[in-house]
Amino acid sequence: MPNLTRAELLFNIAAMLSLIASIVIWFLGYEMAAIFIGLWVPSIIGWMNFGAIKQNRRARGEE
């Protein structure tokens, strides 16, 4: 497993918790709420990627 920064680890945990919460809420019968929460997963991962790109650019001196 590659070494993750603390921020990447937290973003991945948040995405996994969001996915698990969405699945649980779906099976409890709240389909619309589950879909709403399920849409958080790609958003969280997108923000993680945005932060990684920004950090990489900063490390290369492009900012």
N, C-alpha and C. Protein backbone atom coordinates (compact mmCIF):
# COMPACT_ATOMS: atom_id res chain seq x y z
N MET A 1 0.84 -1.18 0.00
CA MET A 1 0.00 0.00 0.00
C MET A 1 0.89 1.24 0.00
N PRO A 2 0.60 2.18 -0.88
CA PRO A 2 1.46 3.37 -0.94
C PRO A 2 1.30 4.22 0.32
N ASN A 3 2.33 4.99 0.59
CA ASN A 3 2.27 5.89 1.73
C ASN A 3 1.31 7.03 1.44
N LEU A 4 0.37 7.24 2.33
CA LEU A 4 -0.60 8.31 2.18
C LEU A 4 -0.28 9.42 3.17
N THR A 5 -0.50 10.65 2.75
CA THR A 5 -0.37 11.74 3.70
C THR A 5 -1.54 11.68 4.65
N ARG A 6 -1.44 12.43 5.71
CA ARG A 6 -2.52 12.46 6.70
C ARG A 6 -3.83 12.96 6.05
N ALA A 7 -3.71 13.99 5.21
CA ALA A 7 -4.89 14.53 4.55
C ALA A 7 -5.52 13.51 3.61
N GLU A 8 -4.70 12.81 2.83
CA GLU A 8 -5.23 11.79 1.92
C GLU A 8 -5.93 10.67 2.68
N LEU A 9 -5.35 10.28 3.80
CA LEU A 9 -5.96 9.24 4.63
C LEU A 9 -7.32 9.71 5.15
N LEU A 10 -7.39 10.94 5.64
CA LEU A 10 -8.66 11.47 6.15
C LEU A 10 -9.71 11.59 5.06
N PHE A 11 -9.31 12.04 3.86
CA PHE A 11 -10.25 12.12 2.75
C PHE A 11 -10.77 10.74 2.36
N ASN A 12 -9.88 9.75 2.33
CA ASN A 12 -10.31 8.39 2.00
C ASN A 12 -11.25 7.82 3.05
N ILE A 13 -10.97 8.09 4.30
CA ILE A 13 -11.86 7.62 5.37
C ILE A 13 -13.22 8.29 5.25
N ALA A 14 -13.23 9.61 4.97
CA ALA A 14 -14.50 10.33 4.81
C ALA A 14 -15.30 9.76 3.64
N ALA A 15 -14.63 9.45 2.53
CA ALA A 15 -15.32 8.89 1.37
C ALA A 15 -15.90 7.51 1.70
N MET A 16 -15.13 6.68 2.39
CA MET A 16 -15.63 5.35 2.75
C MET A 16 -16.81 5.44 3.71
N LEU A 17 -16.71 6.32 4.70
CA LEU A 17 -17.82 6.48 5.65
C LEU A 17 -19.07 6.99 4.94
N SER A 18 -18.89 7.88 3.99
CA SER A 18 -20.02 8.39 3.22
C SER A 18 -20.68 7.27 2.42
N LEU A 19 -19.88 6.44 1.80
CA LEU A 19 -20.41 5.31 1.03
C LEU A 19 -21.16 4.33 1.94
N ILE A 20 -20.56 4.00 3.07
CA ILE A 20 -21.21 3.07 4.00
C ILE A 20 -22.51 3.66 4.53
N ALA A 21 -22.49 4.94 4.88
CA ALA A 21 -23.70 5.60 5.37
C ALA A 21 -24.78 5.58 4.30
N SER A 22 -24.40 5.83 3.06
CA SER A 22 -25.36 5.83 1.97
C SER A 22 -26.02 4.46 1.80
N ILE A 23 -25.23 3.41 1.87
CA ILE A 23 -25.76 2.05 1.72
C ILE A 23 -26.71 1.72 2.87
N VAL A 24 -26.30 2.05 4.08
CA VAL A 24 -27.15 1.77 5.24
C VAL A 24 -28.46 2.53 5.13
N ILE A 25 -28.39 3.81 4.79
CA ILE A 25 -29.60 4.62 4.68
C ILE A 25 -30.50 4.10 3.56
N TRP A 26 -29.91 3.61 2.48
CA TRP A 26 -30.70 3.04 1.39
C TRP A 26 -31.54 1.85 1.90
N PHE A 27 -30.88 0.96 2.63
CA PHE A 27 -31.58 -0.23 3.11
C PHE A 27 -32.55 0.07 4.24
N LEU A 28 -32.44 1.24 4.85
CA LEU A 28 -33.43 1.67 5.84
C LEU A 28 -34.68 2.24 5.17
N GLY A 29 -34.62 2.41 3.85
CA GLY A 29 -35.79 2.85 3.11
C GLY A 29 -35.82 4.30 2.70
N TYR A 30 -34.74 5.02 2.95
CA TYR A 30 -34.66 6.44 2.59
C TYR A 30 -33.83 6.60 1.31
N GLU A 31 -34.41 6.20 0.19
CA GLU A 31 -33.67 6.14 -1.06
C GLU A 31 -33.11 7.50 -1.50
N MET A 32 -33.94 8.55 -1.42
CA MET A 32 -33.49 9.86 -1.88
C MET A 32 -32.34 10.40 -1.02
N ALA A 33 -32.43 10.22 0.28
CA ALA A 33 -31.35 10.65 1.17
C ALA A 33 -30.08 9.85 0.89
N ALA A 34 -30.25 8.57 0.61
CA ALA A 34 -29.09 7.72 0.32
C ALA A 34 -28.39 8.16 -0.97
N ILE A 35 -29.18 8.52 -1.98
CA ILE A 35 -28.59 8.99 -3.23
C ILE A 35 -27.84 10.30 -2.99
N PHE A 36 -28.45 11.20 -2.21
CA PHE A 36 -27.81 12.47 -1.90
C PHE A 36 -26.47 12.25 -1.20
N ILE A 37 -26.45 11.41 -0.19
CA ILE A 37 -25.21 11.15 0.53
C ILE A 37 -24.22 10.39 -0.34
N GLY A 38 -24.70 9.51 -1.20
CA GLY A 38 -23.82 8.78 -2.11
C GLY A 38 -23.10 9.69 -3.09
N LEU A 39 -23.72 10.81 -3.41
CA LEU A 39 -23.07 11.77 -4.31
C LEU A 39 -21.91 12.50 -3.65
N TRP A 40 -21.81 12.41 -2.34
CA TRP A 40 -20.68 13.04 -1.65
C TRP A 40 -19.37 12.33 -1.96
N VAL A 41 -19.43 11.03 -2.21
CA VAL A 41 -18.20 10.24 -2.38
C VAL A 41 -17.32 10.78 -3.51
N PRO A 42 -17.82 10.96 -4.75
CA PRO A 42 -16.94 11.50 -5.78
C PRO A 42 -16.52 12.95 -5.49
N SER A 43 -17.36 13.70 -4.79
CA SER A 43 -16.98 15.07 -4.44
C SER A 43 -15.81 15.08 -3.47
N ILE A 44 -15.87 14.22 -2.47
CA ILE A 44 -14.77 14.13 -1.49
C ILE A 44 -13.49 13.71 -2.18
N ILE A 45 -13.57 12.72 -3.04
CA ILE A 45 -12.38 12.25 -3.75
C ILE A 45 -11.85 13.33 -4.69
N GLY A 46 -12.76 14.08 -5.31
CA GLY A 46 -12.34 15.19 -6.17
C GLY A 46 -11.58 16.25 -5.40
N TRP A 47 -12.05 16.59 -4.21
CA TRP A 47 -11.34 17.58 -3.39
C TRP A 47 -9.98 17.04 -2.97
N MET A 48 -9.88 15.74 -2.70
CA MET A 48 -8.59 15.15 -2.35
C MET A 48 -7.62 15.28 -3.52
N ASN A 49 -8.11 14.99 -4.73
CA ASN A 49 -7.26 15.11 -5.91
C ASN A 49 -6.85 16.55 -6.16
N PHE A 50 -7.77 17.49 -5.95
CA PHE A 50 -7.45 18.90 -6.11
C PHE A 50 -6.33 19.30 -5.15
N GLY A 51 -6.43 18.87 -3.90
CA GLY A 51 -5.39 19.18 -2.92
C GLY A 51 -4.06 18.55 -3.29
N ALA A 52 -4.08 17.32 -3.81
CA ALA A 52 -2.84 16.65 -4.20
C ALA A 52 -2.18 17.37 -5.38
N ILE A 53 -2.99 17.81 -6.34
CA ILE A 53 -2.43 18.54 -7.49
C ILE A 53 -1.81 19.85 -7.04
N LYS A 54 -2.53 20.56 -6.16
CA LYS A 54 -2.02 21.83 -5.66
C LYS A 54 -0.72 21.64 -4.88
N GLN A 55 -0.67 20.61 -4.06
CA GLN A 55 0.54 20.32 -3.29
C GLN A 55 1.70 19.96 -4.21
N ASN A 56 1.42 19.18 -5.26
CA ASN A 56 2.45 18.79 -6.21
C ASN A 56 3.00 20.01 -6.95
N ARG A 57 2.11 20.90 -7.37
CA ARG A 57 2.55 22.12 -8.06
C ARG A 57 3.39 23.00 -7.15
N ARG A 58 2.97 23.09 -5.89
CA ARG A 58 3.71 23.90 -4.93
C ARG A 58 5.11 23.33 -4.72
N ALA A 59 5.21 21.99 -4.65
CA ALA A 59 6.49 21.33 -4.44
C ALA A 59 7.43 21.53 -5.63
N ARG A 60 6.85 21.65 -6.83
CA ARG A 60 7.67 21.87 -8.03
C ARG A 60 7.95 23.34 -8.27
N GLY A 61 7.37 24.22 -7.47
CA GLY A 61 7.61 25.64 -7.60
C GLY A 61 6.82 26.30 -8.70
N GLU A 62 5.68 25.74 -9.07
CA GLU A 62 4.87 26.31 -10.15
C GLU A 62 3.88 27.36 -9.66
N GLU A 63 3.78 27.55 -8.36
CA GLU A 63 2.83 28.54 -7.84
C GLU A 63 3.55 29.72 -7.26
